[in-house]
C-alpha atoms as a PDB file:
ATOM      1  CA  UNK A   1      88.384  84.527 -35.634  1.00  0.00           C
ATOM      2  CA  UNK A   2      85.368  86.738 -35.743  1.00  0.00           C
ATOM      3  CA  UNK A   3      84.567  85.395 -39.139  1.00  0.00           C
ATOM      4  CA  UNK A   4      84.901  81.824 -37.860  1.00  0.00           C
ATOM      5  CA  UNK A   5      82.541  82.495 -34.987  1.00  0.00           C
ATOM      6  CA  UNK A   6      80.015  84.015 -37.388  1.00  0.00           C
ATOM      7  CA  UNK A   7      80.191  80.929 -39.596  1.00  0.00           C
ATOM      8  CA  UNK A   8      79.504  78.486 -36.635  1.00  0.00           C
ATOM      9  CA  UNK A   9      76.399  80.249 -35.356  1.00  0.00           C
ATOM     10  CA  UNK A  10      74.142  79.194 -38.227  1.00  0.00           C
ATOM     11  CA  UNK A  11      75.123  75.583 -37.570  1.00  0.00           C
ATOM     12  CA  UNK A  12      74.138  75.877 -33.895  1.00  0.00           C
ATOM     13  CA  UNK A  13      70.831  77.483 -34.879  1.00  0.00           C
ATOM     14  CA  UNK A  14      70.065  74.533 -37.227  1.00  0.00           C
ATOM     15  CA  UNK A  15      70.095  71.891 -34.388  1.00  0.00           C
ATOM     16  CA  UNK A  16      67.730  73.612 -32.016  1.00  0.00           C
ATOM     17  CA  UNK A  17      64.463  73.343 -34.076  1.00  0.00           C
ATOM     18  CA  UNK A  18      65.027  69.653 -34.621  1.00  0.00           C
ATOM     19  CA  UNK A  19      65.473  69.102 -30.928  1.00  0.00           C
ATOM     20  CA  UNK A  20      62.252  71.002 -30.226  1.00  0.00           C
ATOM     21  CA  UNK A  21      60.373  68.915 -32.813  1.00  0.00           C
ATOM     22  CA  UNK A  22      61.659  65.707 -31.282  1.00  0.00           C
ATOM     23  CA  UNK A  23      60.619  66.798 -27.819  1.00  0.00           C
ATOM     24  CA  UNK A  24      57.180  67.827 -29.070  1.00  0.00           C
ATOM     25  CA  UNK A  25      56.743  64.494 -30.848  1.00  0.00           C
ATOM     26  CA  UNK A  26      57.774  62.612 -27.705  1.00  0.00           C
ATOM     27  CA  UNK A  27      55.379  64.692 -25.647  1.00  0.00           C
ATOM     28  CA  UNK A  28      52.562  63.955 -28.083  1.00  0.00           C
ATOM     29  CA  UNK A  29      53.350  60.234 -27.908  1.00  0.00           C
ATOM     30  CA  UNK A  30      53.326  60.366 -24.103  1.00  0.00           C
ATOM     31  CA  UNK A  31      50.045  62.310 -24.129  1.00  0.00           C
ATOM     32  CA  UNK A  32      48.591  59.795 -26.584  1.00  0.00           C
ATOM     33  CA  UNK A  33      49.656  56.860 -24.400  1.00  0.00           C
ATOM     34  CA  UNK A  34      48.277  58.579 -21.314  1.00  0.00           C
ATOM     35  CA  UNK A  35      45.010  59.222 -23.164  1.00  0.00           C
ATOM     36  CA  UNK A  36      44.775  55.566 -24.127  1.00  0.00           C
ATOM     37  CA  UNK A  37      45.578  54.568 -20.540  1.00  0.00           C
ATOM     38  CA  UNK A  38      42.914  56.931 -19.117  1.00  0.00           C
ATOM     39  CA  UNK A  39      40.361  55.659 -21.682  1.00  0.00           C
ATOM     40  CA  UNK A  40      41.103  52.057 -20.758  1.00  0.00           C
ATOM     41  CA  UNK A  41      40.929  52.922 -17.058  1.00  0.00           C
ATOM     42  CA  UNK A  42      37.572  54.616 -17.613  1.00  0.00           C
ATOM     43  CA  UNK A  43      36.201  51.578 -19.451  1.00  0.00           C
ATOM     44  CA  UNK A  44      37.449  49.227 -16.734  1.00  0.00           C
ATOM     45  CA  UNK A  45      35.964  51.424 -14.003  1.00  0.00           C
ATOM     46  CA  UNK A  46      32.631  51.497 -15.836  1.00  0.00           C
ATOM     47  CA  UNK A  47      32.585  47.715 -16.258  1.00  0.00           C
ATOM     48  CA  UNK A  48      33.521  47.184 -12.592  1.00  0.00           C
ATOM     49  CA  UNK A  49      30.806  49.631 -11.503  1.00  0.00           C
ATOM     50  CA  UNK A  50      28.266  47.720 -13.609  1.00  0.00           C
ATOM     51  CA  UNK A  51      29.544  44.499 -12.067  1.00  0.00           C
ATOM     52  CA  UNK A  52      29.013  45.956  -8.562  1.00  0.00           C
ATOM     53  CA  UNK A  53      25.453  46.859  -9.499  1.00  0.00           C
ATOM     54  CA  UNK A  54      24.826  43.368 -10.826  1.00  0.00           C
ATOM     55  CA  UNK A  55      26.358  41.827  -7.704  1.00  0.00           C
ATOM     56  CA  UNK A  56      24.171  44.063  -5.496  1.00  0.00           C
ATOM     57  CA  UNK A  57      21.107  42.944  -7.438  1.00  0.00           C
ATOM     58  CA  UNK A  58      22.212  39.336  -7.090  1.00  0.00           C
ATOM     59  CA  UNK A  59      22.591  39.799  -3.332  1.00  0.00           C
ATOM     60  CA  UNK A  60      19.066  41.267  -3.145  1.00  0.00           C
ATOM     61  CA  UNK A  61      17.620  38.421  -5.191  1.00  0.00           C
ATOM     62  CA  UNK A  62      19.491  35.842  -3.127  1.00  0.00           C
ATOM     63  CA  UNK A  63      18.110  37.409   0.088  1.00  0.00           C
ATOM     64  CA  UNK A  64      14.586  37.251  -1.321  1.00  0.00           C
ATOM     65  CA  UNK A  65      15.123  33.640  -2.426  1.00  0.00           C
ATOM     66  CA  UNK A  66      16.370  32.785   1.063  1.00  0.00           C
ATOM     67  CA  UNK A  67      13.099  34.051   2.568  1.00  0.00           C
ATOM     68  CA  UNK A  68      11.021  32.178  -0.016  1.00  0.00           C
ATOM     69  CA  UNK A  69      13.042  28.992   0.375  1.00  0.00           C
ATOM     70  CA  UNK A  70      12.412  29.062   4.142  1.00  0.00           C
ATOM     71  CA  UNK A  71       8.672  28.819   3.406  1.00  0.00           C
ATOM     72  CA  UNK A  72       8.927  26.087   0.804  1.00  0.00           C
ATOM     73  CA  UNK A  73       9.564  23.004   2.960  1.00  0.00           C
ATOM     74  CA  UNK A  74       8.734  20.485   0.245  1.00  0.00           C
ATOM     75  CA  UNK A  75      11.855  21.234  -1.858  1.00  0.00           C
ATOM     76  CA  UNK A  76      14.021  22.970   0.725  1.00  0.00           C
ATOM     77  CA  UNK A  77      16.961  20.606   0.302  1.00  0.00           C
ATOM     78  CA  UNK A  78      17.261  21.122  -3.473  1.00  0.00           C
ATOM     79  CA  UNK A  79      16.743  24.893  -3.257  1.00  0.00           C
ATOM     80  CA  UNK A  80      19.263  25.246  -0.449  1.00  0.00           C
ATOM     81  CA  UNK A  81      21.824  23.332  -2.523  1.00  0.00           C
ATOM     82  CA  UNK A  82      21.228  25.652  -5.491  1.00  0.00           C
ATOM     83  CA  UNK A  83      21.404  28.727  -3.259  1.00  0.00           C
ATOM     84  CA  UNK A  84      24.685  27.513  -1.754  1.00  0.00           C
ATOM     85  CA  UNK A  85      26.020  27.076  -5.289  1.00  0.00           C
ATOM     86  CA  UNK A  86      24.950  30.627  -6.146  1.00  0.00           C
ATOM     87  CA  UNK A  87      26.593  31.972  -3.002  1.00  0.00           C
ATOM     88  CA  UNK A  88      29.789  30.142  -3.909  1.00  0.00           C
ATOM     89  CA  UNK A  89      29.664  31.586  -7.414  1.00  0.00           C
ATOM     90  CA  UNK A  90      28.995  35.018  -5.986  1.00  0.00           C
ATOM     91  CA  UNK A  91      31.962  34.660  -3.626  1.00  0.00           C
ATOM     92  CA  UNK A  92      34.071  33.562  -6.588  1.00  0.00           C
ATOM     93  CA  UNK A  93      32.884  36.584  -8.537  1.00  0.00           C
ATOM     94  CA  UNK A  94      33.698  38.887  -5.639  1.00  0.00           C
ATOM     95  CA  UNK A  95      37.145  37.341  -5.283  1.00  0.00           C
ATOM     96  CA  UNK A  96      37.686  37.767  -9.010  1.00  0.00           C
ATOM     97  CA  UNK A  97      36.512  41.372  -8.821  1.00  0.00           C
ATOM     98  CA  UNK A  98      38.959  42.050  -5.994  1.00  0.00           C
ATOM     99  CA  UNK A  99      41.697  40.424  -8.024  1.00  0.00           C
ATOM    100  CA  UNK A 100      40.781  42.508 -11.074  1.00  0.00           C
ATOM    101  CA  UNK A 101      40.734  45.626  -8.900  1.00  0.00           C
ATOM    102  CA  UNK A 102      44.211  44.742  -7.641  1.00  0.00           C
ATOM    103  CA  UNK A 103      45.379  44.196 -11.181  1.00  0.00           C
ATOM    104  CA  UNK A 104      43.943  47.575 -12.142  1.00  0.00           C
ATOM    105  CA  UNK A 105      45.826  49.232  -9.263  1.00  0.00           C
ATOM    106  CA  UNK A 106      48.988  47.528 -10.449  1.00  0.00           C
ATOM    107  CA  UNK A 107      48.287  48.682 -13.983  1.00  0.00           C
ATOM    108  CA  UNK A 108      48.134  52.270 -12.803  1.00  0.00           C
ATOM    109  CA  UNK A 109      51.783  52.026 -11.717  1.00  0.00           C
ATOM    110  CA  UNK A 110      52.871  50.078 -14.787  1.00  0.00           C
ATOM    111  CA  UNK A 111      51.607  52.053 -17.755  1.00  0.00           C
ATOM    112  CA  UNK A 112      54.161  50.456 -20.080  1.00  0.00           C
ATOM    113  CA  UNK A 113      52.567  47.009 -19.614  1.00  0.00           C
ATOM    114  CA  UNK A 114      48.950  48.158 -20.064  1.00  0.00           C
ATOM    115  CA  UNK A 115      48.453  46.793 -23.546  1.00  0.00           C
ATOM    116  CA  UNK A 116      49.208  43.165 -22.706  1.00  0.00           C
ATOM    117  CA  UNK A 117      47.184  43.144 -19.502  1.00  0.00           C
ATOM    118  CA  UNK A 118      44.165  44.831 -21.079  1.00  0.00           C
ATOM    119  CA  UNK A 119      43.477  41.675 -23.085  1.00  0.00           C
ATOM    120  CA  UNK A 120      43.677  39.531 -19.978  1.00  0.00           C
ATOM    121  CA  UNK A 121      41.369  41.880 -18.088  1.00  0.00           C
ATOM    122  CA  UNK A 122      38.862  41.882 -20.937  1.00  0.00           C
ATOM    123  CA  UNK A 123      38.900  38.095 -20.896  1.00  0.00           C
ATOM    124  CA  UNK A 124      38.267  38.055 -17.170  1.00  0.00           C
ATOM    125  CA  UNK A 125      35.431  40.533 -17.544  1.00  0.00           C
ATOM    126  CA  UNK A 126      33.883  38.390 -20.265  1.00  0.00           C
ATOM    127  CA  UNK A 127      34.135  35.400 -17.952  1.00  0.00           C
ATOM    128  CA  UNK A 128      32.511  37.398 -15.158  1.00  0.00           C
ATOM    129  CA  UNK A 129      29.694  38.389 -17.490  1.00  0.00           C
ATOM    130  CA  UNK A 130      29.183  34.720 -18.362  1.00  0.00           C
ATOM    131  CA  UNK A 131      29.061  33.760 -14.662  1.00  0.00           C
ATOM    132  CA  UNK A 132      26.615  36.579 -13.985  1.00  0.00           C
ATOM    133  CA  UNK A 133      24.377  35.441 -16.859  1.00  0.00           C
ATOM    134  CA  UNK A 134      24.414  31.869 -15.539  1.00  0.00           C
ATOM    135  CA  UNK A 135      23.566  33.100 -12.043  1.00  0.00           C
ATOM    136  CA  UNK A 136      20.669  35.152 -13.381  1.00  0.00           C
ATOM    137  CA  UNK A 137      19.403  32.137 -15.323  1.00  0.00           C
ATOM    138  CA  UNK A 138      19.528  29.996 -12.170  1.00  0.00           C
ATOM    139  CA  UNK A 139      17.695  32.699 -10.231  1.00  0.00           C
ATOM    140  CA  UNK A 140      14.980  32.763 -12.873  1.00  0.00           C
ATOM    141  CA  UNK A 141      14.719  28.958 -12.706  1.00  0.00           C
ATOM    142  CA  UNK A 142      14.385  29.143  -8.936  1.00  0.00           C
ATOM    143  CA  UNK A 143      11.641  31.737  -9.274  1.00  0.00           C
ATOM    144  CA  UNK A 144       9.750  29.432 -11.608  1.00  0.00           C
ATOM    145  CA  UNK A 145      10.155  26.500  -9.205  1.00  0.00           C
ATOM    146  CA  UNK A 146       8.930  28.616  -6.282  1.00  0.00           C
ATOM    147  CA  UNK A 147       5.889  29.717  -8.287  1.00  0.00           C
ATOM    148  CA  UNK A 148       5.113  26.076  -9.084  1.00  0.00           C
ATOM    149  CA  UNK A 149       5.500  25.141  -5.427  1.00  0.00           C
ATOM    150  CA  UNK A 150       3.142  27.922  -4.432  1.00  0.00           C
ATOM    151  CA  UNK A 151       0.555  26.607  -6.853  1.00  0.00           C
ATOM    152  CA  UNK A 152       0.954  23.111  -5.402  1.00  0.00           C
ATOM    153  CA  UNK A 153       0.622  24.477  -1.873  1.00  0.00           C
ATOM    154  CA  UNK A 154      -2.546  26.291  -2.899  1.00  0.00           C
ATOM    155  CA  UNK A 155      -4.007  23.075  -4.290  1.00  0.00           C
ATOM    156  CA  UNK A 156      -3.012  21.161  -1.155  1.00  0.00           C
ATOM    157  CA  UNK A 157      -4.546  23.839   1.068  1.00  0.00           C
ATOM    158  CA  UNK A 158      -7.788  23.671  -0.893  1.00  0.00           C
ATOM    159  CA  UNK A 159      -7.824  19.876  -0.559  1.00  0.00           C
ATOM    160  CA  UNK A 160      -7.091  20.195   3.167  1.00  0.00           C
ATOM    161  CA  UNK A 161      -9.930  22.676   3.631  1.00  0.00           C
ATOM    162  CA  UNK A 162     -12.303  20.335   1.811  1.00  0.00           C
ATOM    163  CA  UNK A 163     -11.097  17.421   3.954  1.00  0.00           C
ATOM    164  CA  UNK A 164     -11.597  19.434   7.143  1.00  0.00           C
ATOM    165  CA  UNK A 165     -15.115  20.325   6.009  1.00  0.00           C
ATOM    166  CA  UNK A 166     -15.875  16.646   5.392  1.00  0.00           C
ATOM    167  CA  UNK A 167     -14.345  15.722   8.758  1.00  0.00           C
ATOM    168  CA  UNK A 168     -16.513  18.316  10.509  1.00  0.00           C
ATOM    169  CA  UNK A 169     -19.627  16.964   8.824  1.00  0.00           C
ATOM    170  CA  UNK A 170     -18.616  13.389   9.640  1.00  0.00           C
ATOM    171  CA  UNK A 171     -17.925  14.341  13.256  1.00  0.00           C
ATOM    172  CA  UNK A 172     -21.372  15.907  13.511  1.00  0.00           C
ATOM    173  CA  UNK A 173     -22.917  12.739  12.104  1.00  0.00           C
ATOM    174  CA  UNK A 174     -20.882  10.608  14.519  1.00  0.00           C
ATOM    175  CA  UNK A 175     -21.987  12.719  17.472  1.00  0.00           C
ATOM    176  CA  UNK A 176     -25.599  12.461  16.334  1.00  0.00           C
ATOM    177  CA  UNK A 177     -25.273   8.697  15.921  1.00  0.00           C
ATOM    178  CA  UNK A 178     -23.614   8.507  19.332  1.00  0.00           C
ATOM    179  CA  UNK A 179     -26.486  10.338  20.950  1.00  0.00           C
ATOM    180  CA  UNK A 180     -28.985   8.114  19.206  1.00  0.00           C
ATOM    181  CA  UNK A 181     -27.012   4.998  20.140  1.00  0.00           C
ATOM    182  CA  UNK A 182     -26.774   6.102  23.762  1.00  0.00           C
ATOM    183  CA  UNK A 183     -30.500   6.739  23.800  1.00  0.00           C
ATOM    184  CA  UNK A 184     -31.153   3.309  22.279  1.00  0.00           C
ATOM    185  CA  UNK A 185     -28.791   1.636  24.740  1.00  0.00           C
ATOM    186  CA  UNK A 186     -30.420   3.438  27.634  1.00  0.00           C
ATOM    187  CA  UNK A 187     -33.787   2.235  26.394  1.00  0.00           C
ATOM    188  CA  UNK A 188     -32.489  -1.322  26.095  1.00  0.00           C
ATOM    189  CA  UNK A 189     -31.000  -1.130  29.570  1.00  0.00           C
ATOM    190  CA  UNK A 190     -34.298   0.078  30.950  1.00  0.00           C
ATOM    191  CA  UNK A 191     -36.146  -2.708  29.181  1.00  0.00           C
ATOM    192  CA  UNK A 192     -33.698  -5.318  30.404  1.00  0.00           C
ATOM    193  CA  UNK A 193     -33.912  -3.879  33.914  1.00  0.00           C
ATOM    194  CA  UNK A 194     -37.689  -4.192  33.806  1.00  0.00           C
ATOM    195  CA  UNK A 195     -37.549  -7.807  32.645  1.00  0.00           C
ATOM    196  CA  UNK A 196     -34.832  -8.526  35.205  1.00  0.00           C
ATOM    197  CA  UNK A 197     -37.131  -7.118  37.852  1.00  0.00           C
ATOM    198  CA  UNK A 198     -39.925  -9.400  36.669  1.00  0.00           C
ATOM    199  CA  UNK A 199     -37.515 -12.349  36.637  1.00  0.00           C
ATOM    200  CA  UNK A 200     -36.372 -11.528  40.165  1.00  0.00           C
ATOM    201  CA  UNK A 201     -39.971 -11.197  41.284  1.00  0.00           C
ATOM    202  CA  UNK A 202     -40.877 -14.646  39.985  1.00  0.00           C
ATOM    203  CA  UNK A 203     -37.782 -16.207  41.524  1.00  0.00           C
ATOM    204  CA  UNK A 204     -38.601 -14.613  44.855  1.00  0.00           C
ATOM    205  CA  UNK A 205     -42.062 -16.159  44.706  1.00  0.00           C
ATOM    206  CA  UNK A 206     -40.617 -19.556  43.801  1.00  0.00           C
ATOM    207  CA  UNK A 207     -37.711 -19.506  46.279  1.00  0.00           C
ATOM    208  CA  UNK A 208     -39.185 -17.412  49.075  1.00  0.00           C
ATOM    209  CA  UNK A 209     -39.354 -20.361  51.507  1.00  0.00           C
ATOM    210  CA  UNK A 210     -35.649 -21.235  51.293  1.00  0.00           C
ATOM    211  CA  UNK A 211     -33.196 -19.695  53.753  1.00  0.00           C
ATOM    212  CA  UNK A 212     -30.111 -20.937  51.896  1.00  0.00           C
ATOM    213  CA  UNK A 213     -30.836 -18.669  48.922  1.00  0.00           C
ATOM    214  CA  UNK A 214     -30.151 -14.945  49.104  1.00  0.00           C
ATOM    215  CA  UNK A 215     -30.080 -11.911  46.811  1.00  0.00           C
ATOM    216  CA  UNK A 216     -26.784 -10.026  46.525  1.00  0.00           C
ATOM    217  CA  UNK A 217     -27.124  -6.956  44.326  1.00  0.00           C
ATOM    218  CA  UNK A 218     -28.397  -8.104  40.928  1.00  0.00           C
ATOM    219  CA  UNK A 219     -27.657 -11.822  41.556  1.00  0.00           C
ATOM    220  CA  UNK A 220     -29.386 -14.801  43.127  1.00  0.00           C
ATOM    221  CA  UNK A 221     -26.929 -16.680  45.334  1.00  0.00           C
ATOM    222  CA  UNK A 222     -27.523 -20.416  46.006  1.00  0.00           C
ATOM    223  CA  UNK A 223     -25.397 -22.228  48.535  1.00  0.00           C
ATOM    224  CA  UNK A 224     -23.575 -25.070  46.820  1.00  0.00           C
ATOM    225  CA  UNK A 225     -25.098 -27.606  49.193  1.00  0.00           C
ATOM    226  CA  UNK A 226     -28.495 -26.978  47.560  1.00  0.00           C
ATOM    227  CA  UNK A 227     -27.230 -28.591  44.355  1.00  0.00           C
ATOM    228  CA  UNK A 228     -24.105 -30.600  45.070  1.00  0.00           C
ATOM    229  CA  UNK A 229     -22.459 -32.857  47.558  1.00  0.00           C
ATOM    230  CA  UNK A 230     -19.045 -31.893  48.912  1.00  0.00           C
ATOM    231  CA  UNK A 231     -16.349 -32.110  46.222  1.00  0.00           C
ATOM    232  CA  UNK A 232     -18.875 -33.222  43.571  1.00  0.00           C
ATOM    233  CA  UNK A 233     -20.279 -31.594  40.412  1.00  0.00           C
ATOM    234  CA  UNK A 234     -23.308 -33.864  39.876  1.00  0.00           C
ATOM    235  CA  UNK A 235     -26.705 -32.314  40.685  1.00  0.00           C
ATOM    236  CA  UNK A 236     -28.586 -33.915  43.582  1.00  0.00           C
ATOM    237  CA  UNK A 237     -32.387 -34.416  43.376  1.00  0.00           C
ATOM    238  CA  UNK A 238     -33.083 -31.373  45.519  1.00  0.00           C
ATOM    239  CA  UNK A 239     -30.978 -29.187  43.238  1.00  0.00           C
ATOM    240  CA  UNK A 240     -32.659 -30.584  40.156  1.00  0.00           C
ATOM    241  CA  UNK A 241     -36.055 -29.708  41.612  1.00  0.00           C
ATOM    242  CA  UNK A 242     -35.004 -26.114  42.269  1.00  0.00           C
ATOM    243  CA  UNK A 243     -33.559 -25.797  38.785  1.00  0.00           C
ATOM    244  CA  UNK A 244     -36.809 -27.121  37.282  1.00  0.00           C
ATOM    245  CA  UNK A 245     -38.598 -24.164  38.891  1.00  0.00           C
ATOM    246  CA  UNK A 246     -35.935 -21.833  37.557  1.00  0.00           C
ATOM    247  CA  UNK A 247     -36.270 -23.307  34.040  1.00  0.00           C
ATOM    248  CA  UNK A 248     -40.049 -22.701  34.156  1.00  0.00           C
ATOM    249  CA  UNK A 249     -39.500 -19.052  35.124  1.00  0.00           C
ATOM    250  CA  UNK A 250     -36.932 -18.614  32.356  1.00  0.00           C
ATOM    251  CA  UNK A 251     -39.252 -20.155  29.760  1.00  0.00           C
ATOM    252  CA  UNK A 252     -42.052 -17.759  30.736  1.00  0.00           C
ATOM    253  CA  UNK A 253     -39.629 -14.824  30.703  1.00  0.00           C
ATOM    254  CA  UNK A 254     -38.331 -15.769  27.253  1.00  0.00           C
ATOM    255  CA  UNK A 255     -41.815 -15.358  25.828  1.00  0.00           C
ATOM    256  CA  UNK A 256     -42.068 -11.839  27.256  1.00  0.00           C
ATOM    257  CA  UNK A 257     -38.646 -10.341  26.403  1.00  0.00           C
ATOM    258  CA  UNK A 258     -38.467  -9.037  22.782  1.00  0.00           C
ATOM    259  CA  UNK A 259     -36.169 -10.923  20.439  1.00  0.00           C
ATOM    260  CA  UNK A 260     -34.015  -7.846  19.782  1.00  0.00           C
ATOM    261  CA  UNK A 261     -32.836  -7.801  23.418  1.00  0.00           C
ATOM    262  CA  UNK A 262     -29.897 -10.176  23.539  1.00  0.00           C
ATOM    263  CA  UNK A 263     -30.208 -11.356  27.146  1.00  0.00           C
ATOM    264  CA  UNK A 264     -28.384 -14.228  28.830  1.00  0.00           C
ATOM    265  CA  UNK A 265     -28.475 -15.925  32.221  1.00  0.00           C
ATOM    266  CA  UNK A 266     -24.962 -16.231  33.606  1.00  0.00           C
ATOM    267  CA  UNK A 267     -24.281 -19.129  36.000  1.00  0.00           C
ATOM    268  CA  UNK A 268     -21.147 -18.565  38.088  1.00  0.00           C
ATOM    269  CA  UNK A 269     -19.565 -21.383  40.088  1.00  0.00           C
ATOM    270  CA  UNK A 270     -17.562 -20.538  43.262  1.00  0.00           C
ATOM    271  CA  UNK A 271     -15.738 -22.698  45.826  1.00  0.00           C
ATOM    272  CA  UNK A 272     -14.158 -22.130  49.225  1.00  0.00           C
ATOM    273  CA  UNK A 273     -10.412 -21.841  49.723  1.00  0.00           C
ATOM    274  CA  UNK A 274      -9.852 -25.450  50.738  1.00  0.00           C
ATOM    275  CA  UNK A 275      -7.638 -27.006  48.013  1.00  0.00           C
ATOM    276  CA  UNK A 276      -8.958 -29.968  46.085  1.00  0.00           C
ATOM    277  CA  UNK A 277      -6.905 -32.389  44.052  1.00  0.00           C
ATOM    278  CA  UNK A 278      -8.816 -35.345  42.669  1.00  0.00           C
ATOM    279  CA  UNK A 279      -8.788 -37.117  39.348  1.00  0.00           C
ATOM    280  CA  UNK A 280     -11.854 -35.254  37.982  1.00  0.00           C
ATOM    281  CA  UNK A 281     -10.919 -31.912  39.587  1.00  0.00           C
ATOM    282  CA  UNK A 282      -7.206 -31.123  39.873  1.00  0.00           C
ATOM    283  CA  UNK A 283      -8.091 -27.718  41.425  1.00  0.00           C
ATOM    284  CA  UNK A 284     -11.010 -25.550  42.509  1.00  0.00           C
ATOM    285  CA  UNK A 285     -11.059 -24.017  39.024  1.00  0.00           C
ATOM    286  CA  UNK A 286     -12.205 -27.281  37.492  1.00  0.00           C
ATOM    287  CA  UNK A 287     -14.720 -27.930  40.296  1.00  0.00           C
ATOM    288  CA  UNK A 288     -16.367 -24.490  40.084  1.00  0.00           C
ATOM    289  CA  UNK A 289     -16.542 -24.655  36.298  1.00  0.00           C
ATOM    290  CA  UNK A 290     -17.941 -28.191  36.252  1.00  0.00           C
ATOM    291  CA  UNK A 291     -20.696 -27.191  38.709  1.00  0.00           C
ATOM    292  CA  UNK A 292     -21.687 -24.194  36.559  1.00  0.00           C
ATOM    293  CA  UNK A 293     -21.771 -26.436  33.470  1.00  0.00           C
ATOM    294  CA  UNK A 294     -23.958 -29.012  35.284  1.00  0.00           C
ATOM    295  CA  UNK A 295     -26.507 -26.274  36.047  1.00  0.00           C
ATOM    296  CA  UNK A 296     -26.421 -25.066  32.440  1.00  0.00           C
ATOM    297  CA  UNK A 297     -26.946 -28.567  31.051  1.00  0.00           C
ATOM    298  CA  UNK A 298     -29.915 -29.213  33.338  1.00  0.00           C
ATOM    299  CA  UNK A 299     -31.556 -25.936  32.277  1.00  0.00           C
ATOM    300  CA  UNK A 300     -31.002 -26.818  28.616  1.00  0.00           C
ATOM    301  CA  UNK A 301     -32.585 -30.229  29.206  1.00  0.00           C
ATOM    302  CA  UNK A 302     -35.614 -28.401  30.604  1.00  0.00           C
ATOM    303  CA  UNK A 303     -36.198 -26.235  27.548  1.00  0.00           C
ATOM    304  CA  UNK A 304     -34.008 -23.179  28.146  1.00  0.00           C
ATOM    305  CA  UNK A 305     -32.191 -22.242  24.884  1.00  0.00           C
ATOM    306  CA  UNK A 306     -28.457 -22.833  25.085  1.00  0.00           C
ATOM    307  CA  UNK A 307     -27.728 -19.412  23.520  1.00  0.00           C
ATOM    308  CA  UNK A 308     -29.338 -17.784  26.582  1.00  0.00           C
ATOM    309  CA  UNK A 309     -26.966 -19.459  29.067  1.00  0.00           C
ATOM    310  CA  UNK A 310     -23.381 -18.785  30.100  1.00  0.00           C
ATOM    311  CA  UNK A 311     -21.263 -20.942  32.445  1.00  0.00           C
ATOM    312  CA  UNK A 312     -18.267 -19.504  34.318  1.00  0.00           C
ATOM    313  CA  UNK A 313     -15.987 -20.873  37.033  1.00  0.00           C
ATOM    314  CA  UNK A 314     -14.198 -18.584  39.526  1.00  0.00           C
ATOM    315  CA  UNK A 315     -12.695 -21.120  41.909  1.00  0.00           C
ATOM    316  CA  UNK A 316     -11.961 -19.652  45.346  1.00  0.00           C
ATOM    317  CA  UNK A 317     -10.861 -16.248  44.016  1.00  0.00           C
ATOM    318  CA  UNK A 318     -14.137 -14.286  44.382  1.00  0.00           C
ATOM    319  CA  UNK A 319     -15.204 -14.916  48.011  1.00  0.00           C
ATOM    320  CA  UNK A 320     -18.261 -13.309  49.602  1.00  0.00           C
ATOM    321  CA  UNK A 321     -16.808 -13.642  53.089  1.00  0.00           C
ATOM    322  CA  UNK A 322     -13.093 -13.291  53.821  1.00  0.00           C
ATOM    323  CA  UNK A 323     -11.472 -15.598  56.302  1.00  0.00           C
ATOM    324  CA  UNK A 324     -11.095 -19.312  56.966  1.00  0.00           C
ATOM    325  CA  UNK A 325     -14.007 -19.926  59.348  1.00  0.00           C
ATOM    326  CA  UNK A 326     -16.515 -22.681  58.700  1.00  0.00           C
ATOM    327  CA  UNK A 327     -19.317 -20.169  58.169  1.00  0.00           C
ATOM    328  CA  UNK A 328     -17.237 -18.064  55.721  1.00  0.00           C
ATOM    329  CA  UNK A 329     -16.288 -21.128  53.698  1.00  0.00           C
ATOM    330  CA  UNK A 330     -19.909 -22.296  53.605  1.00  0.00           C
ATOM    331  CA  UNK A 331     -21.047 -18.921  52.232  1.00  0.00           C
ATOM    332  CA  UNK A 332     -18.299 -18.889  49.630  1.00  0.00           C
ATOM    333  CA  UNK A 333     -19.316 -22.300  48.235  1.00  0.00           C
ATOM    334  CA  UNK A 334     -22.104 -21.052  45.997  1.00  0.00           C
ATOM    335  CA  UNK A 335     -23.809 -20.838  42.606  1.00  0.00           C
ATOM    336  CA  UNK A 336     -24.757 -17.350  41.431  1.00  0.00           C
ATOM    337  CA  UNK A 337     -27.380 -16.506  38.781  1.00  0.00           C
ATOM    338  CA  UNK A 338     -27.334 -13.161  37.003  1.00  0.00           C
ATOM    339  CA  UNK A 339     -29.653 -11.994  34.221  1.00  0.00           C
ATOM    340  CA  UNK A 340     -27.668  -9.656  31.965  1.00  0.00           C
ATOM    341  CA  UNK A 341     -27.196  -8.586  28.367  1.00  0.00           C
ATOM    342  CA  UNK A 342     -24.732 -10.321  26.111  1.00  0.00           C
END
């Protein structure tokens, strides 16, 4: 029995080294797999860190582009569309990064499936790199467009400054011309006022003996009865005689007033407020106008140029005296003469 036990011991000693070698080999395989897993994890962490840096740079560039795009109103719509696209791509990239990070966390608990998923992760990282490159290219294009817009704005500002300078010079010239025109007009008004004064003086001398003619402001006022019968527009002999004197005064005045003063004598016809409705004169408008025209025609027949005469009819709508008394109506039936500038 002792001999049998001595013979079995060498057999037991033969199995133990083989078991140790197998365990060592298995341990080396596990260490090798863990080394490969740690190396892959390190590479993934490095790529993800680089992706975070790129995404941070993209965020900074997008923020700067947002400020520049706010200033560039001319192409704001197109730039905003591009920026929105970039933001969407960035959000997609961030979502993909989160997904990759989740996959990496899953890979840490599933070391046996690392090999197959590493290829998928590398493909995703390559896709992310492509998206990042496209985003950088679009950012560069936007920078070029902004630079071009700035150049255009500079040119427009220069043109605007030149236009403002021309406007300032033109405004100065306009103001100078306005002052000169006002001075010339004031001189013309003074000249016309002087000749009007002479005209008034001559008419006063001619008509000083008549009580039915009065001066109201800058006008000579003739009662209608001096020239016309009631409801008529034909001049009576007495009115023709008075107008002959007026034509003589106007002819003398025409030779004194310079040709560059465009003066006219305005003849205004007025009636009272009693309605008239006859075949020749359906209303006081027609009667007042016809009387003014009769005076104008007589003055033209006596040598006064037609271009120096104006006829106007006011009907009963510009009374001198309000009311319906006989005296008020008599005063309102009148012919007014006013020397003025055309």
